[in-house]
Amino acid sequence: MDASIRNARRSADARNLTLIVYGLQLAGILIALTPVIGVILNHARRRDATGTIYASHFDWQIRTFWWTVLWLGVGALTLPLFGIGLVVMALAAGWFFYRAIRGILNWHQHDPMPHIPERKRDPSQMNTDQHG
């Protein structure tokens, strides 16, 4: 099989799986287990999306899931504090669904998701000992 055909098929498969995971995230409104299934698919098939714009979607989906889990945990721990936990949990859920919808909109436009660039050390910014 020609390499360009293989790449096109790989990109199409990654595109389809990306939408499936966004659907699983949104289905979390009704069935709390579906986002877990989505993140498992992300982790299991992440390598398949490498080199496509959908790799950025996989990273976005994975970060969305794990940050939401963290903030839901913080919310659960702060429930006894005058309802602060409920506010934290509601904000986390809203943020989760916002990111799923934003991802679908980018997916529909065939656009990658924004990513966090790797931080590189600038040698001129490093703290050096001037006391010899």
Foldseek 3Di string as FASTA:
>chain_A
DDPVVVVVVLQVVLLVLLLCQLVLLVCCVPPVCSNVVSLVCLVVCLVSCPPFLSNLSSVLSNVLVVVLVVQLVVLVVCCVVVRPSVVSNVVSSVSSNVSSVVSVVCSVVSHHDDDDDDDDDDVVPDDDDPPD
